[in-house]
């Protein structure tokens, strides 16, 4: 069994799939089947902590950002 740490798997999932995490795991890494329940628990806890501590990755922030449809944006450009 190839050793892959959970964070690598979860990062790949977030960047490549719209399916649920367990469906993606089952399709991409069937050899990890005995660890699926553990992975799902870790993912659930991580998502709960993200919400509790308002932790966002840049991509998550950009995907959930609600910008005004008219007028000026309330942000200044920091990356040029």
PDB file of N, CA and C in Angstrom:
ATOM      1  N   UNK A   1       0.853  -1.177   0.000  1.00  0.00           N
ATOM      2  CA  UNK A   1       0.000   0.000   0.000  1.00  0.00           C
ATOM      3  C   UNK A   1       0.900   1.241   0.000  1.00  0.00           C
ATOM      4  N   UNK A   2       0.656   2.119  -0.957  1.00  0.00           N
ATOM      5  CA  UNK A   2       1.400   3.367  -1.016  1.00  0.00           C
ATOM      6  C   UNK A   2       1.039   4.222   0.194  1.00  0.00           C
ATOM      7  N   UNK A   3       2.050   4.755   0.850  1.00  0.00           N
ATOM      8  CA  UNK A   3       1.776   5.593   2.012  1.00  0.00           C
ATOM      9  C   UNK A   3       1.468   7.016   1.554  1.00  0.00           C
ATOM     10  N   UNK A   4       0.279   7.438   1.857  1.00  0.00           N
ATOM     11  CA  UNK A   4      -0.169   8.787   1.544  1.00  0.00           C
ATOM     12  C   UNK A   4      -0.817   9.347   2.791  1.00  0.00           C
ATOM     13  N   UNK A   5      -0.385  10.535   3.180  1.00  0.00           N
ATOM     14  CA  UNK A   5      -0.971  11.100   4.390  1.00  0.00           C
ATOM     15  C   UNK A   5      -2.337  11.720   4.079  1.00  0.00           C
ATOM     16  N   UNK A   6      -3.154  11.793   5.094  1.00  0.00           N
ATOM     17  CA  UNK A   6      -4.529  12.266   4.937  1.00  0.00           C
ATOM     18  C   UNK A   6      -4.595  13.644   4.290  1.00  0.00           C
ATOM     19  N   UNK A   7      -3.754  14.569   4.730  1.00  0.00           N
ATOM     20  CA  UNK A   7      -3.832  15.928   4.200  1.00  0.00           C
ATOM     21  C   UNK A   7      -3.597  15.952   2.697  1.00  0.00           C
ATOM     22  N   UNK A   8      -2.670  15.122   2.199  1.00  0.00           N
ATOM     23  CA  UNK A   8      -2.442  15.050   0.759  1.00  0.00           C
ATOM     24  C   UNK A   8      -3.695  14.566   0.038  1.00  0.00           C
ATOM     25  N   UNK A   9      -4.339  13.534   0.589  1.00  0.00           N
ATOM     26  CA  UNK A   9      -5.565  13.024  -0.007  1.00  0.00           C
ATOM     27  C   UNK A   9      -6.652  14.082  -0.019  1.00  0.00           C
ATOM     28  N   UNK A  10      -6.821  14.756   1.104  1.00  0.00           N
ATOM     29  CA  UNK A  10      -7.889  15.739   1.211  1.00  0.00           C
ATOM     30  C   UNK A  10      -7.634  16.935   0.296  1.00  0.00           C
ATOM     31  N   UNK A  11      -6.396  17.326   0.173  1.00  0.00           N
ATOM     32  CA  UNK A  11      -6.040  18.416  -0.732  1.00  0.00           C
ATOM     33  C   UNK A  11      -6.326  18.028  -2.182  1.00  0.00           C
ATOM     34  N   UNK A  12      -5.951  16.832  -2.568  1.00  0.00           N
ATOM     35  CA  UNK A  12      -6.265  16.350  -3.916  1.00  0.00           C
ATOM     36  C   UNK A  12      -7.766  16.335  -4.152  1.00  0.00           C
ATOM     37  N   UNK A  13      -8.510  15.857  -3.173  1.00  0.00           N
ATOM     38  CA  UNK A  13      -9.974  15.820  -3.281  1.00  0.00           C
ATOM     39  C   UNK A  13     -10.536  17.225  -3.504  1.00  0.00           C
ATOM     40  N   UNK A  14     -10.123  18.179  -2.695  1.00  0.00           N
ATOM     41  CA  UNK A  14     -10.668  19.532  -2.788  1.00  0.00           C
ATOM     42  C   UNK A  14     -10.351  20.184  -4.123  1.00  0.00           C
ATOM     43  N   UNK A  15      -9.239  19.808  -4.721  1.00  0.00           N
ATOM     44  CA  UNK A  15      -8.830  20.416  -5.982  1.00  0.00           C
ATOM     45  C   UNK A  15      -9.312  19.656  -7.211  1.00  0.00           C
ATOM     46  N   UNK A  16     -10.000  18.529  -7.021  1.00  0.00           N
ATOM     47  CA  UNK A  16     -10.308  17.728  -8.195  1.00  0.00           C
ATOM     48  C   UNK A  16     -11.715  17.158  -8.261  1.00  0.00           C
ATOM     49  N   UNK A  17     -12.561  17.375  -7.285  1.00  0.00           N
ATOM     50  CA  UNK A  17     -13.829  16.658  -7.300  1.00  0.00           C
ATOM     51  C   UNK A  17     -14.986  17.470  -6.749  1.00  0.00           C
ATOM     52  N   UNK A  18     -16.151  17.198  -7.313  1.00  0.00           N
ATOM     53  CA  UNK A  18     -17.389  17.761  -6.778  1.00  0.00           C
ATOM     54  C   UNK A  18     -18.193  16.691  -6.046  1.00  0.00           C
ATOM     55  N   UNK A  19     -17.710  15.446  -6.101  1.00  0.00           N
ATOM     56  CA  UNK A  19     -18.359  14.349  -5.391  1.00  0.00           C
ATOM     57  C   UNK A  19     -18.111  14.475  -3.901  1.00  0.00           C
ATOM     58  N   UNK A  20     -18.808  13.654  -3.134  1.00  0.00           N
ATOM     59  CA  UNK A  20     -18.535  13.627  -1.698  1.00  0.00           C
ATOM     60  C   UNK A  20     -17.159  13.013  -1.464  1.00  0.00           C
ATOM     61  N   UNK A  21     -16.576  13.331  -0.328  1.00  0.00           N
ATOM     62  CA  UNK A  21     -15.233  12.857  -0.019  1.00  0.00           C
ATOM     63  C   UNK A  21     -15.168  11.334   0.012  1.00  0.00           C
ATOM     64  N   UNK A  22     -16.164  10.686   0.608  1.00  0.00           N
ATOM     65  CA  UNK A  22     -16.135   9.221   0.676  1.00  0.00           C
ATOM     66  C   UNK A  22     -16.264   8.576  -0.705  1.00  0.00           C
ATOM     67  N   UNK A  23     -17.085   9.152  -1.586  1.00  0.00           N
ATOM     68  CA  UNK A  23     -17.187   8.626  -2.961  1.00  0.00           C
ATOM     69  C   UNK A  23     -15.866   8.774  -3.693  1.00  0.00           C
ATOM     70  N   UNK A  24     -15.238   9.916  -3.538  1.00  0.00           N
ATOM     71  CA  UNK A  24     -13.959  10.164  -4.188  1.00  0.00           C
ATOM     72  C   UNK A  24     -12.898   9.200  -3.672  1.00  0.00           C
ATOM     73  N   UNK A  25     -12.853   9.005  -2.346  1.00  0.00           N
ATOM     74  CA  UNK A  25     -11.888   8.059  -1.770  1.00  0.00           C
ATOM     75  C   UNK A  25     -12.088   6.652  -2.321  1.00  0.00           C
ATOM     76  N   UNK A  26     -13.330   6.232  -2.344  1.00  0.00           N
ATOM     77  CA  UNK A  26     -13.626   4.876  -2.809  1.00  0.00           C
ATOM     78  C   UNK A  26     -13.191   4.676  -4.262  1.00  0.00           C
ATOM     79  N   UNK A  27     -13.381   5.697  -5.083  1.00  0.00           N
ATOM     80  CA  UNK A  27     -13.011   5.611  -6.491  1.00  0.00           C
ATOM     81  C   UNK A  27     -11.500   5.692  -6.696  1.00  0.00           C
ATOM     82  N   UNK A  28     -10.850   6.658  -6.025  1.00  0.00           N
ATOM     83  CA  UNK A  28      -9.424   6.916  -6.259  1.00  0.00           C
ATOM     84  C   UNK A  28      -8.478   6.046  -5.439  1.00  0.00           C
ATOM     85  N   UNK A  29      -8.873   5.690  -4.227  1.00  0.00           N
ATOM     86  CA  UNK A  29      -7.975   4.966  -3.329  1.00  0.00           C
ATOM     87  C   UNK A  29      -8.679   3.778  -2.669  1.00  0.00           C
ATOM     88  N   UNK A  30      -9.129   2.812  -3.455  1.00  0.00           N
ATOM     89  CA  UNK A  30      -9.835   1.673  -2.860  1.00  0.00           C
ATOM     90  C   UNK A  30      -8.973   0.877  -1.878  1.00  0.00           C
ATOM     91  N   UNK A  31      -7.660   0.955  -2.040  1.00  0.00           N
ATOM     92  CA  UNK A  31      -6.765   0.237  -1.124  1.00  0.00           C
ATOM     93  C   UNK A  31      -6.772   0.819   0.288  1.00  0.00           C
ATOM     94  N   UNK A  32      -7.354   2.002   0.459  1.00  0.00           N
ATOM     95  CA  UNK A  32      -7.455   2.640   1.776  1.00  0.00           C
ATOM     96  C   UNK A  32      -8.798   2.346   2.450  1.00  0.00           C
ATOM     97  N   UNK A  33      -9.533   1.418   1.897  1.00  0.00           N
ATOM     98  CA  UNK A  33     -10.896   1.167   2.373  1.00  0.00           C
ATOM     99  C   UNK A  33     -10.985   0.957   3.887  1.00  0.00           C
ATOM    100  N   UNK A  34     -10.037   0.272   4.456  1.00  0.00           N
ATOM    101  CA  UNK A  34     -10.101   0.020   5.903  1.00  0.00           C
ATOM    102  C   UNK A  34      -9.937   1.295   6.737  1.00  0.00           C
ATOM    103  N   UNK A  35      -9.491   2.377   6.099  1.00  0.00           N
ATOM    104  CA  UNK A  35      -9.293   3.653   6.798  1.00  0.00           C
ATOM    105  C   UNK A  35     -10.386   4.678   6.490  1.00  0.00           C
ATOM    106  N   UNK A  36     -11.323   4.345   5.618  1.00  0.00           N
ATOM    107  CA  UNK A  36     -12.342   5.310   5.194  1.00  0.00           C
ATOM    108  C   UNK A  36     -13.085   5.948   6.362  1.00  0.00           C
ATOM    109  N   UNK A  37     -13.511   5.165   7.315  1.00  0.00           N
ATOM    110  CA  UNK A  37     -14.264   5.722   8.450  1.00  0.00           C
ATOM    111  C   UNK A  37     -13.421   6.728   9.230  1.00  0.00           C
ATOM    112  N   UNK A  38     -12.150   6.422   9.389  1.00  0.00           N
ATOM    113  CA  UNK A  38     -11.249   7.348  10.090  1.00  0.00           C
ATOM    114  C   UNK A  38     -11.090   8.628   9.282  1.00  0.00           C
ATOM    115  N   UNK A  39     -10.865   8.488   7.975  1.00  0.00           N
ATOM    116  CA  UNK A  39     -10.716   9.660   7.109  1.00  0.00           C
ATOM    117  C   UNK A  39     -11.965  10.546   7.150  1.00  0.00           C
ATOM    118  N   UNK A  40     -13.121   9.942   7.097  1.00  0.00           N
ATOM    119  CA  UNK A  40     -14.371  10.703   7.114  1.00  0.00           C
ATOM    120  C   UNK A  40     -14.541  11.429   8.448  1.00  0.00           C
ATOM    121  N   UNK A  41     -14.186  10.778   9.550  1.00  0.00           N
ATOM    122  CA  UNK A  41     -14.250  11.432  10.865  1.00  0.00           C
ATOM    123  C   UNK A  41     -13.299  12.627  10.933  1.00  0.00           C
ATOM    124  N   UNK A  42     -12.094  12.455  10.427  1.00  0.00           N
ATOM    125  CA  UNK A  42     -11.111  13.548  10.429  1.00  0.00           C
ATOM    126  C   UNK A  42     -11.623  14.701   9.569  1.00  0.00           C
ATOM    127  N   UNK A  43     -12.142  14.377   8.394  1.00  0.00           N
ATOM    128  CA  UNK A  43     -12.659  15.413   7.505  1.00  0.00           C
ATOM    129  C   UNK A  43     -13.813  16.173   8.158  1.00  0.00           C
ATOM    130  N   UNK A  44     -14.699  15.464   8.805  1.00  0.00           N
ATOM    131  CA  UNK A  44     -15.836  16.091   9.477  1.00  0.00           C
ATOM    132  C   UNK A  44     -15.364  17.011  10.605  1.00  0.00           C
ATOM    133  N   UNK A  45     -14.436  16.533  11.403  1.00  0.00           N
ATOM    134  CA  UNK A  45     -13.898  17.355  12.496  1.00  0.00           C
ATOM    135  C   UNK A  45     -13.180  18.586  11.956  1.00  0.00           C
ATOM    136  N   UNK A  46     -12.417  18.403  10.894  1.00  0.00           N
ATOM    137  CA  UNK A  46     -11.699  19.519  10.267  1.00  0.00           C
ATOM    138  C   UNK A  46     -12.683  20.585   9.767  1.00  0.00           C
ATOM    139  N   UNK A  47     -13.743  20.155   9.082  1.00  0.00           N
ATOM    140  CA  UNK A  47     -14.732  21.110   8.574  1.00  0.00           C
ATOM    141  C   UNK A  47     -15.429  21.846   9.718  1.00  0.00           C
ATOM    142  N   UNK A  48     -15.716  21.151  10.806  1.00  0.00           N
ATOM    143  CA  UNK A  48     -16.337  21.774  11.976  1.00  0.00           C
ATOM    144  C   UNK A  48     -15.403  22.823  12.579  1.00  0.00           C
ATOM    145  N   UNK A  49     -14.134  22.480  12.730  1.00  0.00           N
ATOM    146  CA  UNK A  49     -13.162  23.427  13.286  1.00  0.00           C
ATOM    147  C   UNK A  49     -12.948  24.624  12.358  1.00  0.00           C
ATOM    148  N   UNK A  50     -12.958  24.383  11.052  1.00  0.00           N
ATOM    149  CA  UNK A  50     -12.830  25.487  10.104  1.00  0.00           C
ATOM    150  C   UNK A  50     -13.943  26.497  10.321  1.00  0.00           C
ATOM    151  N   UNK A  51     -15.170  26.001  10.468  1.00  0.00           N
ATOM    152  CA  UNK A  51     -16.304  26.899  10.690  1.00  0.00           C
ATOM    153  C   UNK A  51     -16.209  27.589  12.050  1.00  0.00           C
ATOM    154  N   UNK A  52     -15.816  26.837  13.071  1.00  0.00           N
ATOM    155  CA  UNK A  52     -15.737  27.385  14.426  1.00  0.00           C
ATOM    156  C   UNK A  52     -14.688  28.491  14.536  1.00  0.00           C
ATOM    157  N   UNK A  53     -13.533  28.290  13.894  1.00  0.00           N
ATOM    158  CA  UNK A  53     -12.447  29.263  13.992  1.00  0.00           C
ATOM    159  C   UNK A  53     -12.358  30.185  12.781  1.00  0.00           C
ATOM    160  N   UNK A  54     -13.344  30.081  11.901  1.00  0.00           N
ATOM    161  CA  UNK A  54     -13.416  30.896  10.694  1.00  0.00           C
ATOM    162  C   UNK A  54     -12.095  30.826   9.924  1.00  0.00           C
ATOM    163  N   UNK A  55     -11.680  29.607   9.653  1.00  0.00           N
ATOM    164  CA  UNK A  55     -10.458  29.347   8.901  1.00  0.00           C
ATOM    165  C   UNK A  55     -10.819  29.094   7.446  1.00  0.00           C
ATOM    166  N   UNK A  56     -10.254  29.867   6.550  1.00  0.00           N
ATOM    167  CA  UNK A  56     -10.525  29.700   5.128  1.00  0.00           C
ATOM    168  C   UNK A  56      -9.220  29.605   4.357  1.00  0.00           C
ATOM    169  N   UNK A  57      -9.197  28.684   3.427  1.00  0.00           N
ATOM    170  CA  UNK A  57      -8.133  28.683   2.438  1.00  0.00           C
ATOM    171  C   UNK A  57      -8.504  29.732   1.409  1.00  0.00           C
ATOM    172  N   UNK A  58      -7.554  30.247   0.685  1.00  0.00           N
ATOM    173  CA  UNK A  58      -7.839  31.295  -0.284  1.00  0.00           C
ATOM    174  C   UNK A  58      -8.923  30.858  -1.269  1.00  0.00           C
ATOM    175  N   UNK A  59      -8.840  29.626  -1.765  1.00  0.00           N
ATOM    176  CA  UNK A  59      -9.830  29.168  -2.741  1.00  0.00           C
ATOM    177  C   UNK A  59     -11.222  29.109  -2.111  1.00  0.00           C
ATOM    178  N   UNK A  60     -11.325  28.645  -0.890  1.00  0.00           N
ATOM    179  CA  UNK A  60     -12.619  28.599  -0.206  1.00  0.00           C
ATOM    180  C   UNK A  60     -13.171  30.003  -0.047  1.00  0.00           C
ATOM    181  N   UNK A  61     -12.313  30.931   0.339  1.00  0.00           N
ATOM    182  CA  UNK A  61     -12.722  32.321   0.498  1.00  0.00           C
ATOM    183  C   UNK A  61     -13.254  32.885  -0.814  1.00  0.00           C
ATOM    184  N   UNK A  62     -12.534  32.650  -1.895  1.00  0.00           N
ATOM    185  CA  UNK A  62     -12.943  33.184  -3.187  1.00  0.00           C
ATOM    186  C   UNK A  62     -14.250  32.559  -3.677  1.00  0.00           C
ATOM    187  N   UNK A  63     -14.437  31.275  -3.396  1.00  0.00           N
ATOM    188  CA  UNK A  63     -15.655  30.604  -3.833  1.00  0.00           C
ATOM    189  C   UNK A  63     -16.883  31.030  -3.035  1.00  0.00           C
ATOM    190  N   UNK A  64     -16.694  31.450  -1.798  1.00  0.00           N
ATOM    191  CA  UNK A  64     -17.838  31.813  -0.957  1.00  0.00           C
ATOM    192  C   UNK A  64     -18.035  33.325  -0.839  1.00  0.00           C
ATOM    193  N   UNK A  65     -17.143  34.094  -1.410  1.00  0.00           N
ATOM    194  CA  UNK A  65     -17.218  35.544  -1.327  1.00  0.00           C
ATOM    195  C   UNK A  65     -18.410  36.055  -2.128  1.00  0.00           C
ATOM    196  N   UNK A  66     -19.226  36.888  -1.500  1.00  0.00           N
ATOM    197  CA  UNK A  66     -20.356  37.503  -2.186  1.00  0.00           C
ATOM    198  C   UNK A  66     -20.010  38.961  -2.457  1.00  0.00           C
ATOM    199  N   UNK A  67     -19.797  39.273  -3.721  1.00  0.00           N
ATOM    200  CA  UNK A  67     -19.442  40.629  -4.121  1.00  0.00           C
ATOM    201  C   UNK A  67     -20.677  41.377  -4.587  1.00  0.00           C
ATOM    202  N   UNK A  68     -20.690  42.690  -4.393  1.00  0.00           N
ATOM    203  CA  UNK A  68     -21.837  43.469  -4.883  1.00  0.00           C
ATOM    204  C   UNK A  68     -21.905  43.397  -6.408  1.00  0.00           C
ATOM    205  N   UNK A  69     -23.108  43.386  -6.947  1.00  0.00           N
ATOM    206  CA  UNK A  69     -23.264  43.302  -8.400  1.00  0.00           C
ATOM    207  C   UNK A  69     -23.151  44.667  -9.076  1.00  0.00           C
ATOM    208  N   UNK A  70     -23.319  45.731  -8.309  1.00  0.00           N
ATOM    209  CA  UNK A  70     -23.205  47.086  -8.864  1.00  0.00           C
ATOM    210  C   UNK A  70     -22.350  47.933  -7.945  1.00  0.00           C
ATOM    211  N   UNK A  71     -21.765  48.987  -8.510  1.00  0.00           N
ATOM    212  CA  UNK A  71     -20.992  49.913  -7.694  1.00  0.00           C
ATOM    213  C   UNK A  71     -19.551  49.477  -7.528  1.00  0.00           C
ATOM    214  N   UNK A  72     -18.907  50.042  -6.544  1.00  0.00           N
ATOM    215  CA  UNK A  72     -17.501  49.741  -6.318  1.00  0.00           C
ATOM    216  C   UNK A  72     -17.348  48.593  -5.333  1.00  0.00           C
ATOM    217  N   UNK A  73     -16.229  47.945  -5.432  1.00  0.00           N
ATOM    218  CA  UNK A  73     -15.934  46.843  -4.518  1.00  0.00           C
ATOM    219  C   UNK A  73     -15.311  47.398  -3.246  1.00  0.00           C
ATOM    220  N   UNK A  74     -15.639  46.818  -2.094  1.00  0.00           N
ATOM    221  CA  UNK A  74     -15.139  47.346  -0.820  1.00  0.00           C
ATOM    222  C   UNK A  74     -13.717  46.884  -0.503  1.00  0.00           C
ATOM    223  N   UNK A  75     -12.920  46.540  -1.530  1.00  0.00           N
ATOM    224  CA  UNK A  75     -11.564  46.031  -1.297  1.00  0.00           C
ATOM    225  C   UNK A  75     -10.576  46.829  -2.122  1.00  0.00           C
ATOM    226  N   UNK A  76      -9.356  46.906  -1.632  1.00  0.00           N
ATOM    227  CA  UNK A  76      -8.257  47.467  -2.396  1.00  0.00           C
ATOM    228  C   UNK A  76      -7.437  46.315  -2.946  1.00  0.00           C
ATOM    229  N   UNK A  77      -6.860  46.509  -4.124  1.00  0.00           N
ATOM    230  CA  UNK A  77      -6.025  45.473  -4.713  1.00  0.00           C
ATOM    231  C   UNK A  77      -4.699  45.410  -3.981  1.00  0.00           C
ATOM    232  N   UNK A  78      -4.294  44.225  -3.572  1.00  0.00           N
ATOM    233  CA  UNK A  78      -3.024  44.079  -2.884  1.00  0.00           C
ATOM    234  C   UNK A  78      -2.027  43.254  -3.689  1.00  0.00           C
ATOM    235  N   UNK A  79      -2.512  42.489  -4.634  1.00  0.00           N
ATOM    236  CA  UNK A  79      -1.639  41.716  -5.524  1.00  0.00           C
ATOM    237  C   UNK A  79      -1.796  42.282  -6.930  1.00  0.00           C
ATOM    238  N   UNK A  80      -0.716  42.710  -7.519  1.00  0.00           N
ATOM    239  CA  UNK A  80      -0.832  43.359  -8.811  1.00  0.00           C
ATOM    240  C   UNK A  80      -0.338  42.561  -9.965  1.00  0.00           C
TER     241      UNK A  80
END
